[in-house]
Amino acid sequence: MRPSWIEIDVDAIEHNVRQICQLVAPAAVCAVVKADGYGHGDIPVAEAALRGGASHLAVALVNEGARLREAGVEAPILVLSEPDVDAASDVVKWRLTPTVYRPAFTQAVARASAEAGPDPVAVHVKVDTGMLRVGATPDDAFELVERIVGDRRLTLGGVFTHFAVAEEDADFTSLQLDRFAEFLDRINDLGAHPPLIHAANTAGALGVPESRFNLVRVGLGCYGLYPHPDQEKIADLRPAMRVVSHVSMVKTVEGGERPSYGRRRPLPATGRVATVPVGYADGVPRRLSSLGAEVLIKRFPFAGTVTMDQIVVDCGTADISVGDEVVLLGSQGEDRIPAEEWADMLGTINYEIVCHFGPRLPRRHLR
């Protein structure tokens, strides 16, 4: 068995959700567990989030929701985007709450609801207020609400929108909120009063109190990550992921030698090079080795190109042995390599870093 894995602190996830619940109350919390819980493991994350006080869960795909149901999760599960029309019957079968923004899928859910029994299926209408990705325009969403409230096979369970830049652009976020408020006024005049209204993602939940309404959708924050460094002062969140391996070989290599594929960089001096059995097939970006990235044995730099299954680390003259723990992300003693460190080097976001680790690294969920 490879001595490489990912440790997930489920107590940290429970703590993070509890912190957010306290911050946004009386609004409820919907924990977003799509993409295998942002790489943390969907079922353990969902269970920890519910223990922490989340009342709802959200996924991106129908099969993600079905997997939670098969594991015995009973909380409401929102599918954040419309699936294919053919998936409407599975949405109803697994008691998922579908997002709708087009008449064709809305009608498909209505038909599946009628086939399943007399009880109407609750749907959430997504309004595009500026993200320009999915969702209906306010006018089209209004017409969709009219259809839903007039169809006894459906019930309007919620309406929502999604922020594009809540972590960095207060003006545009305010514009989105204004557009959403206008939409809410219009459907209220229609007599439609959905029980759930939501707009805030993690950035909104932490930094835009007026966006909380009565439900917030929190993904990144569940995992102890912040959308923006300025928000670290708002809530005490703990990173839940630790990527761990062990030294598999140690060699003494002469100064000037160039380890690994491509022989990209000479060692500055004679010293020890440690091989670690984890690579880009596991989710360690190949570019890290050319950007000055480090690992924790103590804190040492990559000695050469990241390969598919292994990395090499320049340990200098340190006393390093086979079996020593190596931490790629997370804490070791008093030192820590956060996801943001890699993200800054790679010109990306912490979301991508934690989602990038593949299934070859088993998840160990620790309490």
Protein backbone atom coordinates (compact mmCIF):
# COMPACT_ATOMS: atom_id res chain seq x y z
CA MET A 1 0.00 0.00 0.00
CA ARG A 2 1.39 3.43 -0.94
CA PRO A 3 2.31 5.52 2.08
CA SER A 4 0.41 8.54 0.73
CA TRP A 5 -3.05 9.74 1.67
CA ILE A 6 -5.23 12.70 2.56
CA GLU A 7 -6.30 13.26 6.15
CA ILE A 8 -9.61 15.03 6.69
CA ASP A 9 -10.36 16.49 10.11
CA VAL A 10 -14.13 16.04 10.29
CA ASP A 11 -14.21 17.82 13.66
CA ALA A 12 -12.82 20.88 11.88
CA ILE A 13 -15.66 20.72 9.36
CA GLU A 14 -18.23 20.43 12.14
CA HIS A 15 -16.56 23.37 13.91
CA ASN A 16 -16.54 25.50 10.76
CA VAL A 17 -20.21 24.92 10.05
CA ARG A 18 -21.10 25.68 13.66
CA GLN A 19 -19.14 28.93 13.48
CA ILE A 20 -20.94 29.96 10.31
CA CYS A 21 -24.34 28.98 11.73
CA GLN A 22 -23.73 31.25 14.70
CA LEU A 23 -22.56 34.09 12.47
CA VAL A 24 -25.48 34.06 10.02
CA ALA A 25 -28.34 33.23 12.44
CA PRO A 26 -31.29 33.42 12.14
CA ALA A 27 -30.56 32.37 8.55
CA ALA A 28 -30.08 28.64 8.07
CA VAL A 29 -27.01 27.05 6.46
CA CYS A 30 -26.93 24.90 3.34
CA ALA A 31 -23.59 23.06 3.20
CA VAL A 32 -22.32 22.58 -0.36
CA VAL A 33 -20.81 19.10 -0.68
CA LYS A 34 -20.51 18.83 -4.46
CA ALA A 35 -17.36 17.50 -6.15
CA ASP A 36 -16.89 14.86 -3.44
CA GLY A 37 -17.08 17.51 -0.76
CA TYR A 38 -14.50 19.71 -2.52
CA GLY A 39 -12.18 16.71 -2.45
CA HIS A 40 -12.76 16.06 1.25
CA GLY A 41 -15.21 13.14 0.89
CA ASP A 42 -18.88 13.88 0.38
CA ILE A 43 -20.56 11.55 2.87
CA PRO A 44 -18.35 12.23 5.92
CA VAL A 45 -18.45 15.95 5.11
CA ALA A 46 -22.25 15.93 4.83
CA GLU A 47 -22.60 14.14 8.14
CA ALA A 48 -20.17 16.52 9.86
CA ALA A 49 -21.92 19.57 8.40
CA LEU A 50 -25.30 18.36 9.65
CA ARG A 51 -23.82 17.74 13.11
CA GLY A 52 -22.47 21.29 12.98
CA GLY A 53 -25.95 22.70 12.42
CA ALA A 54 -26.49 22.78 8.65
CA SER A 55 -30.13 22.18 7.79
CA HIS A 56 -29.66 21.64 4.04
CA LEU A 57 -27.07 20.19 1.68
CA ALA A 58 -26.31 21.07 -1.94
CA VAL A 59 -24.73 19.16 -4.80
CA ALA A 60 -24.07 19.84 -8.47
CA LEU A 61 -25.17 16.52 -9.97
CA VAL A 62 -28.08 14.16 -9.48
CA ASN A 63 -25.77 11.21 -8.90
CA GLU A 64 -24.04 13.16 -6.11
CA GLY A 65 -27.40 13.57 -4.37
CA ALA A 66 -28.33 9.93 -4.98
CA ARG A 67 -25.05 8.84 -3.39
CA LEU A 68 -25.90 10.78 -0.24
CA ARG A 69 -29.38 9.27 -0.12
CA GLU A 70 -27.93 5.77 -0.53
CA ALA A 71 -25.69 6.50 2.45
CA GLY A 72 -28.75 7.30 4.56
CA VAL A 73 -28.59 11.10 4.50
CA GLU A 74 -32.15 12.41 4.96
CA ALA A 75 -31.62 16.19 5.00
CA PRO A 76 -32.98 18.28 2.09
CA ILE A 77 -30.55 18.17 -0.84
CA LEU A 78 -30.59 20.94 -3.45
CA VAL A 79 -29.26 20.23 -6.94
CA LEU A 80 -27.66 23.56 -7.81
CA SER A 81 -28.03 23.44 -11.60
CA GLU A 82 -30.62 21.96 -13.90
CA PRO A 83 -29.72 18.43 -15.01
CA ASP A 84 -30.82 17.01 -18.34
CA VAL A 85 -34.55 16.68 -18.87
CA ASP A 86 -34.17 12.89 -18.83
CA ALA A 87 -32.92 13.08 -15.23
CA ALA A 88 -36.17 14.56 -13.84
CA SER A 89 -37.52 11.16 -12.77
CA ASP A 90 -34.29 10.41 -10.87
CA VAL A 91 -34.52 13.78 -9.11
CA VAL A 92 -37.99 12.84 -7.86
CA LYS A 93 -37.03 9.26 -7.09
CA TRP A 94 -34.17 10.34 -4.82
CA ARG A 95 -36.21 13.10 -3.16
CA LEU A 96 -33.85 15.81 -4.34
CA THR A 97 -34.82 19.46 -4.66
CA PRO A 98 -34.20 20.55 -8.24
CA THR A 99 -33.09 23.97 -9.36
CA VAL A 100 -35.14 25.12 -12.35
CA TYR A 101 -34.63 27.96 -14.80
CA ARG A 102 -36.07 26.69 -18.08
CA PRO A 103 -39.64 25.64 -18.92
CA ALA A 104 -38.63 22.30 -20.47
CA PHE A 105 -36.99 20.95 -17.35
CA THR A 106 -39.68 22.44 -15.11
CA GLN A 107 -42.31 20.56 -17.10
CA ALA A 108 -40.26 17.37 -16.93
CA VAL A 109 -40.17 17.63 -13.12
CA ALA A 110 -43.93 18.23 -13.08
CA ARG A 111 -44.53 15.08 -15.15
CA ALA A 112 -42.19 13.05 -12.94
CA SER A 113 -43.99 14.39 -9.87
CA ALA A 114 -47.37 13.29 -11.21
CA GLU A 115 -46.02 9.82 -11.97
CA ALA A 116 -44.54 9.48 -8.49
CA GLY A 117 -47.70 10.28 -6.55
CA PRO A 118 -50.05 13.01 -5.39
CA ASP A 119 -47.58 15.12 -3.43
CA PRO A 120 -46.11 18.09 -5.34
CA VAL A 121 -42.34 18.39 -5.77
CA ALA A 122 -40.69 21.51 -4.38
CA VAL A 123 -38.41 23.36 -6.80
CA HIS A 124 -36.07 26.33 -6.46
CA VAL A 125 -36.00 28.95 -9.20
CA LYS A 126 -32.56 30.35 -9.99
CA VAL A 127 -32.42 33.98 -11.09
CA ASP A 128 -29.41 35.23 -13.04
CA THR A 129 -28.64 38.69 -11.65
CA GLY A 130 -25.20 39.06 -13.21
CA MET A 131 -23.20 35.84 -12.97
CA LEU A 132 -24.17 35.13 -16.62
CA ARG A 133 -23.59 31.42 -16.34
CA VAL A 134 -26.88 29.61 -15.65
CA GLY A 135 -30.23 30.74 -14.33
CA ALA A 136 -33.15 32.62 -15.84
CA THR A 137 -33.26 36.35 -16.44
CA PRO A 138 -35.52 38.12 -13.92
CA ASP A 139 -38.30 38.37 -16.54
CA ASP A 140 -38.05 34.72 -17.52
CA ALA A 141 -37.81 33.67 -13.88
CA PHE A 142 -40.99 35.62 -13.12
CA GLU A 143 -42.83 33.74 -15.87
CA LEU A 144 -41.45 30.48 -14.50
CA VAL A 145 -42.74 31.32 -11.02
CA GLU A 146 -46.16 31.99 -12.55
CA ARG A 147 -46.09 28.53 -14.15
CA ILE A 148 -45.02 26.84 -10.93
CA VAL A 149 -47.62 28.43 -8.65
CA GLY A 150 -50.29 27.49 -11.20
CA ASP A 151 -49.22 23.84 -11.40
CA ARG A 152 -50.53 21.58 -8.64
CA ARG A 153 -47.76 19.06 -9.40
CA LEU A 154 -45.14 21.56 -8.18
CA THR A 155 -44.56 23.90 -5.30
CA LEU A 156 -42.23 26.89 -5.13
CA GLY A 157 -39.78 25.82 -2.45
CA GLY A 158 -37.32 28.64 -2.96
CA VAL A 159 -35.78 31.28 -5.18
CA PHE A 160 -32.11 32.19 -5.33
CA THR A 161 -29.31 33.90 -7.15
CA HIS A 162 -25.54 33.52 -7.16
CA PHE A 163 -22.85 36.14 -6.68
CA ALA A 164 -20.01 36.58 -9.15
CA VAL A 165 -17.58 38.66 -7.05
CA ALA A 166 -18.86 38.87 -3.47
CA GLU A 167 -15.32 38.50 -2.12
CA GLU A 168 -13.91 41.51 -3.99
CA ASP A 169 -16.45 43.83 -5.63
CA ALA A 170 -18.97 45.36 -3.25
CA ASP A 171 -20.54 47.56 -5.93
CA PHE A 172 -21.36 44.74 -8.32
CA THR A 173 -22.58 42.56 -5.46
CA SER A 174 -24.87 45.38 -4.38
CA LEU A 175 -26.17 45.63 -7.95
CA GLN A 176 -26.93 41.92 -7.96
CA LEU A 177 -28.76 42.26 -4.66
CA ASP A 178 -30.81 45.17 -6.00
CA ARG A 179 -31.83 43.13 -9.04
CA PHE A 180 -32.75 40.19 -6.81
CA ALA A 181 -34.77 42.44 -4.47
CA GLU A 182 -36.73 43.79 -7.44
CA PHE A 183 -37.49 40.23 -8.50
CA LEU A 184 -38.63 39.32 -5.00
CA ASP A 185 -40.98 42.33 -4.95
CA ARG A 186 -42.48 41.24 -8.26
CA ILE A 187 -43.22 37.69 -7.17
CA ASN A 188 -44.55 38.91 -3.81
CA ASP A 189 -47.01 41.08 -5.74
CA LEU A 190 -47.97 37.92 -7.59
CA GLY A 191 -48.75 36.29 -4.26
CA ALA A 192 -45.78 33.94 -4.38
CA HIS A 193 -43.97 33.69 -1.06
CA PRO A 194 -41.29 30.98 -1.27
CA PRO A 195 -40.22 29.66 2.13
CA LEU A 196 -36.53 29.79 1.23
CA ILE A 197 -34.71 32.79 -0.26
CA HIS A 198 -30.95 32.59 -0.72
CA ALA A 199 -28.15 34.46 -2.41
CA ALA A 200 -25.03 34.26 -0.25
CA ASN A 201 -22.15 31.93 -0.97
CA THR A 202 -19.32 31.75 1.60
CA ALA A 203 -18.05 35.19 0.64
CA GLY A 204 -21.53 36.67 0.96
CA ALA A 205 -22.32 34.82 4.16
CA LEU A 206 -19.16 36.14 5.81
CA GLY A 207 -18.91 39.61 4.35
CA VAL A 208 -22.30 40.75 3.05
CA PRO A 209 -24.82 40.44 5.91
CA GLU A 210 -27.69 41.86 3.85
CA SER A 211 -27.34 38.94 1.42
CA ARG A 212 -28.10 36.24 3.98
CA PHE A 213 -31.92 36.29 3.68
CA ASN A 214 -33.09 33.09 5.43
CA LEU A 215 -30.59 30.61 3.95
CA VAL A 216 -26.91 30.79 2.96
CA ARG A 217 -25.06 28.33 0.74
CA VAL A 218 -21.61 27.66 2.17
CA GLY A 219 -19.04 25.57 0.35
CA LEU A 220 -15.50 26.81 0.84
CA GLY A 221 -16.06 27.90 4.43
CA CYS A 222 -17.13 24.39 5.46
CA TYR A 223 -13.62 23.22 4.65
CA GLY A 224 -11.87 25.95 6.61
CA LEU A 225 -10.93 28.04 3.60
CA TYR A 226 -11.65 31.72 2.99
CA PRO A 227 -12.66 33.34 -0.31
CA HIS A 228 -10.49 36.36 0.54
CA PRO A 229 -7.76 36.92 3.16
CA ASP A 230 -9.62 39.91 4.60
CA GLN A 231 -12.41 37.59 5.72
CA GLU A 232 -10.14 35.65 8.08
CA LYS A 233 -11.07 38.16 10.81
CA ILE A 234 -14.79 37.45 10.51
CA ALA A 235 -14.94 33.76 11.49
CA ASP A 236 -12.60 31.25 13.10
CA LEU A 237 -12.35 28.56 10.43
CA ARG A 238 -9.97 25.60 10.51
CA PRO A 239 -8.56 23.97 7.35
CA ALA A 240 -9.71 20.37 7.29
CA MET A 241 -7.36 18.84 4.70
CA ARG A 242 -3.86 17.51 5.24
CA VAL A 243 -2.00 15.82 2.35
CA VAL A 244 0.53 13.35 3.73
CA SER A 245 3.19 11.00 2.38
CA HIS A 246 6.46 9.50 3.59
CA VAL A 247 10.03 9.38 2.36
CA SER A 248 10.55 6.24 0.28
CA MET A 249 14.25 6.67 -0.59
CA VAL A 250 17.17 8.92 0.37
CA LYS A 251 20.21 9.47 -1.83
CA THR A 252 23.32 11.59 -1.40
CA VAL A 253 23.73 13.57 -4.61
CA GLU A 254 26.64 15.72 -5.71
CA GLY A 255 26.20 19.47 -6.09
CA GLY A 256 25.44 20.41 -9.70
CA GLU A 257 23.56 17.19 -10.44
CA ARG A 258 20.05 17.62 -11.84
CA PRO A 259 17.43 15.19 -10.46
CA SER A 260 14.24 14.07 -12.20
CA TYR A 261 12.83 14.37 -15.72
CA GLY A 262 14.20 17.15 -17.85
CA ARG A 263 17.14 17.76 -15.48
CA ARG A 264 15.72 21.25 -14.99
CA ARG A 265 17.63 22.48 -11.98
CA PRO A 266 21.09 21.77 -10.53
CA LEU A 267 21.42 21.06 -6.83
CA PRO A 268 23.18 24.03 -5.20
CA ALA A 269 25.43 21.77 -3.11
CA THR A 270 26.07 18.15 -2.30
CA GLY A 271 23.32 16.84 -0.05
CA ARG A 272 20.46 14.44 0.46
CA VAL A 273 17.59 14.07 -1.99
CA ALA A 274 14.45 12.41 -0.69
CA THR A 275 12.01 10.62 -2.97
CA VAL A 276 8.35 10.84 -1.99
CA PRO A 277 5.73 8.54 -3.61
CA VAL A 278 3.13 11.08 -4.75
CA GLY A 279 2.91 12.94 -8.06
CA TYR A 280 0.81 14.73 -10.60
CA ALA A 281 -1.44 11.70 -11.12
CA ASP A 282 -2.49 12.26 -7.52
CA GLY A 283 -3.09 15.98 -7.96
CA VAL A 284 0.30 17.54 -7.20
CA PRO A 285 0.63 20.16 -9.97
CA ARG A 286 3.68 19.57 -12.14
CA ARG A 287 4.46 23.30 -12.31
CA LEU A 288 5.09 23.52 -8.56
CA SER A 289 8.64 22.25 -8.94
CA SER A 290 9.58 25.25 -11.10
CA LEU A 291 7.87 27.82 -8.86
CA GLY A 292 9.80 27.37 -5.62
CA ALA A 293 7.26 25.16 -3.85
CA GLU A 294 8.25 23.35 -0.69
CA VAL A 295 7.12 20.42 1.43
CA LEU A 296 7.34 19.81 5.15
CA ILE A 297 9.77 17.24 6.42
CA LYS A 298 11.25 20.24 7.75
CA ARG A 299 10.57 22.90 5.08
CA PHE A 300 12.48 21.83 1.96
CA PRO A 301 12.10 22.69 -1.75
CA PHE A 302 11.38 20.39 -4.65
CA ALA A 303 14.65 19.18 -6.17
CA GLY A 304 13.31 18.58 -9.67
CA THR A 305 10.24 18.09 -11.82
CA VAL A 306 7.12 16.54 -10.31
CA THR A 307 6.55 13.20 -12.05
CA MET A 308 3.44 11.10 -12.37
CA ASP A 309 3.97 9.05 -9.23
CA GLN A 310 6.85 10.65 -7.33
CA ILE A 311 8.53 13.88 -6.32
CA VAL A 312 12.09 14.55 -5.22
CA VAL A 313 12.96 16.97 -2.44
CA ASP A 314 16.24 18.77 -1.77
CA CYS A 315 16.90 18.15 1.92
CA GLY A 316 20.38 19.67 2.03
CA THR A 317 22.46 18.16 4.82
CA ALA A 318 19.50 17.39 7.10
CA ASP A 319 19.25 13.99 8.74
CA ILE A 320 16.42 12.47 6.67
CA SER A 321 15.40 8.81 6.76
CA VAL A 322 13.11 6.49 4.85
CA GLY A 323 9.70 6.57 6.52
CA ASP A 324 9.87 10.20 7.66
CA GLU A 325 6.54 12.01 7.32
CA VAL A 326 6.16 14.46 4.45
CA VAL A 327 3.33 17.00 4.43
CA LEU A 328 2.49 18.60 1.11
CA LEU A 329 -0.50 20.61 2.35
CA GLY A 330 -1.51 21.23 5.93
CA SER A 331 0.32 21.35 9.23
CA GLN A 332 3.37 19.63 10.63
CA GLY A 333 4.33 20.78 14.09
CA GLU A 334 4.32 24.58 14.15
CA ASP A 335 4.67 24.99 10.39
CA ARG A 336 1.92 24.84 7.77
CA ILE A 337 1.57 24.91 4.00
CA PRO A 338 -1.91 26.26 3.27
CA ALA A 339 -3.79 25.67 0.02
CA GLU A 340 -3.42 29.39 -0.63
CA GLU A 341 0.37 29.01 -0.87
CA TRP A 342 0.04 26.72 -3.86
CA ALA A 343 -2.82 28.77 -5.30
CA ASP A 344 -0.77 31.98 -5.23
CA MET A 345 2.15 30.28 -6.97
CA LEU A 346 -0.07 28.76 -9.64
CA GLY A 347 -2.20 31.83 -10.24
CA THR A 348 -5.40 30.06 -9.21
CA ILE A 349 -7.74 29.78 -6.21
CA ASN A 350 -7.77 27.57 -3.13
CA TYR A 351 -10.97 25.88 -4.41
CA GLU A 352 -9.06 24.34 -7.32
CA ILE A 353 -6.20 23.14 -5.14
CA VAL A 354 -8.31 21.06 -2.75
CA CYS A 355 -10.58 19.74 -5.52
CA HIS A 356 -7.64 18.64 -7.63
CA PHE A 357 -6.46 15.65 -5.58
CA GLY A 358 -7.48 12.43 -7.27
CA PRO A 359 -8.91 9.12 -6.07
CA ARG A 360 -5.50 7.43 -5.91
CA LEU A 361 -5.01 9.22 -2.60
CA PRO A 362 -7.32 7.55 -0.08
CA ARG A 363 -9.14 9.85 2.33
CA ARG A 364 -8.75 9.14 6.02
CA HIS A 365 -11.46 10.87 8.00
CA LEU A 366 -10.17 11.59 11.49
CA ARG A 367 -11.94 12.81 14.63
